[in-house]
Protein backbone atom coordinates (compact mmCIF):
# COMPACT_ATOMS: atom_id res chain seq x y z
CA MET A 1 11.90 26.13 8.65
CA VAL A 2 10.13 24.70 11.50
CA LEU A 3 7.29 25.81 12.96
CA LYS A 4 5.67 24.12 16.38
CA MET A 5 2.51 23.89 17.29
CA THR A 6 0.97 25.56 19.76
CA GLU A 7 -2.65 25.80 21.05
CA ASP A 8 -3.42 29.18 19.90
CA SER A 9 -1.52 28.86 16.06
CA PRO A 10 -3.73 26.39 13.62
CA MET A 11 -0.85 25.56 11.57
CA MET A 12 1.65 22.53 11.71
CA THR A 13 4.78 21.52 10.05
CA VAL A 14 4.58 18.52 7.81
CA GLU A 15 7.55 16.99 5.04
CA VAL A 16 5.96 15.82 1.72
CA ALA A 17 8.86 12.86 0.41
CA TYR A 18 9.60 11.83 -3.01
CA ALA A 19 11.56 9.08 -3.83
CA LEU A 20 14.10 9.04 -7.11
CA PRO A 21 16.39 6.41 -8.26
CA ASN A 22 19.50 8.21 -7.22
CA GLY A 23 17.77 10.12 -4.34
CA GLN A 24 15.04 11.77 -2.37
CA VAL A 25 13.27 14.83 -1.77
CA LEU A 26 11.69 15.91 1.26
CA LEU A 27 9.98 19.16 1.56
CA GLU A 28 9.03 20.72 4.67
CA ILE A 29 5.89 22.71 4.92
CA ALA A 30 3.50 24.71 7.07
CA VAL A 31 0.11 23.46 6.93
CA SER A 32 -2.98 24.54 8.97
CA GLN A 33 -4.96 21.90 10.60
CA GLY A 34 -7.26 19.57 8.66
CA THR A 35 -5.11 19.81 5.52
CA THR A 36 -5.16 16.82 3.54
CA ALA A 37 -2.29 14.88 2.60
CA MET A 38 -3.59 15.09 -0.82
CA ASP A 39 -3.84 19.05 -0.34
CA ALA A 40 -0.34 18.96 1.39
CA ILE A 41 1.47 17.62 -1.70
CA ARG A 42 -0.81 20.10 -3.92
CA GLN A 43 0.64 23.17 -1.27
CA SER A 44 4.60 21.79 -1.27
CA GLY A 45 5.14 22.54 -5.09
CA VAL A 46 6.66 18.66 -5.84
CA LEU A 47 4.50 18.88 -8.51
CA ASP A 48 5.95 21.64 -10.17
CA LYS A 49 9.29 20.28 -9.47
CA PHE A 50 8.30 16.69 -11.03
CA PRO A 51 5.70 17.06 -13.80
CA GLU A 52 6.09 13.47 -14.19
CA ILE A 53 4.28 12.21 -11.26
CA ASP A 54 0.47 11.47 -11.65
CA LEU A 55 -1.18 11.47 -8.70
CA ALA A 56 -3.93 9.75 -10.39
CA THR A 57 -1.87 6.54 -10.39
CA SER A 58 0.59 7.36 -8.00
CA LYS A 59 0.02 5.76 -4.70
CA VAL A 60 0.16 7.77 -1.36
CA GLY A 61 1.24 6.65 2.26
CA ILE A 62 1.80 8.21 5.72
CA PHE A 63 5.19 6.96 7.37
CA SER A 64 5.13 3.77 4.86
CA GLN A 65 1.38 3.25 5.17
CA VAL A 66 -0.06 3.47 2.04
CA LEU A 67 -3.53 5.45 2.45
CA GLY A 68 -7.06 4.02 1.07
CA ALA A 69 -5.37 0.23 1.48
CA LYS A 70 -5.79 -2.02 5.35
CA GLY A 71 -8.82 0.47 6.69
CA LEU A 72 -6.33 3.98 6.11
CA ALA A 73 -8.39 7.19 4.46
CA SER A 74 -7.34 7.85 1.35
CA ALA A 75 -5.07 10.39 0.35
CA ASP A 76 -8.31 13.12 -0.81
CA THR A 77 -9.50 12.46 2.87
CA TYR A 78 -6.32 12.14 5.35
CA GLU A 79 -6.36 14.72 7.55
CA LEU A 80 -2.26 15.41 8.86
CA LYS A 81 -1.20 15.70 11.75
CA ALA A 82 2.19 17.66 13.03
CA LEU A 83 5.30 16.21 11.83
CA ASP A 84 3.68 13.87 9.53
CA ARG A 85 5.42 12.91 6.26
CA VAL A 86 3.69 12.58 3.24
CA GLU A 87 5.41 10.29 0.72
CA ILE A 88 4.47 9.60 -2.87
CA TYR A 89 5.33 6.54 -4.37
CA ARG A 90 6.98 5.71 -7.99
CA PRO A 91 5.29 3.08 -9.66
CA LEU A 92 7.24 -0.81 -9.45
CA LEU A 93 8.97 -0.97 -12.41
CA LEU A 94 9.06 -5.04 -12.42
CA ASP A 95 6.95 -7.16 -10.03
CA PRO A 96 9.48 -8.22 -6.76
CA LYS A 97 8.40 -12.34 -7.89
CA GLU A 98 9.80 -11.92 -11.31
CA ILE A 99 12.86 -9.80 -10.07
CA ARG A 100 13.48 -12.78 -7.72
CA ARG A 101 13.08 -15.13 -10.48
CA ARG A 102 15.69 -13.68 -12.84
CA ARG A 103 18.01 -14.07 -10.54
CA ALA A 104 17.22 -17.52 -9.64
CA GLU A 105 17.06 -18.04 -13.53
CA GLN A 106 20.89 -16.39 -13.11
CA ALA A 107 22.32 -18.46 -10.56
CA LYS A 108 21.24 -21.23 -12.36
CA SER A 109 23.18 -20.12 -15.21
CA LYS A 110 26.26 -19.01 -13.27
CA GLN A 111 26.58 -22.95 -11.73
CA LYS A 112 25.79 -24.95 -14.69
CA VAL A 113 29.35 -22.62 -16.08
């Protein structure tokens, strides 16, 4: 369902995305003007489908830009624009530096064999 925003329509289409290890969920919803990123997450139903999402600790962004960082408004105050994609980020399992360190160690051990 795609809703197009017109001058006399206060509704707009946005997407809520949540990535899983085996794929991503992308929900398209219609929201009213003035809806915040956090409101859209709640309205999308993604929290019902994935109860493991903890909004108190999960980062939220718009098109890979983390809200509440680099001068952007927080997810509670950022007002969505038509066609925005709200992204819920899962916490990292390992620090990227630690992953690189482990790969380097494995590469060294393979060279010694």
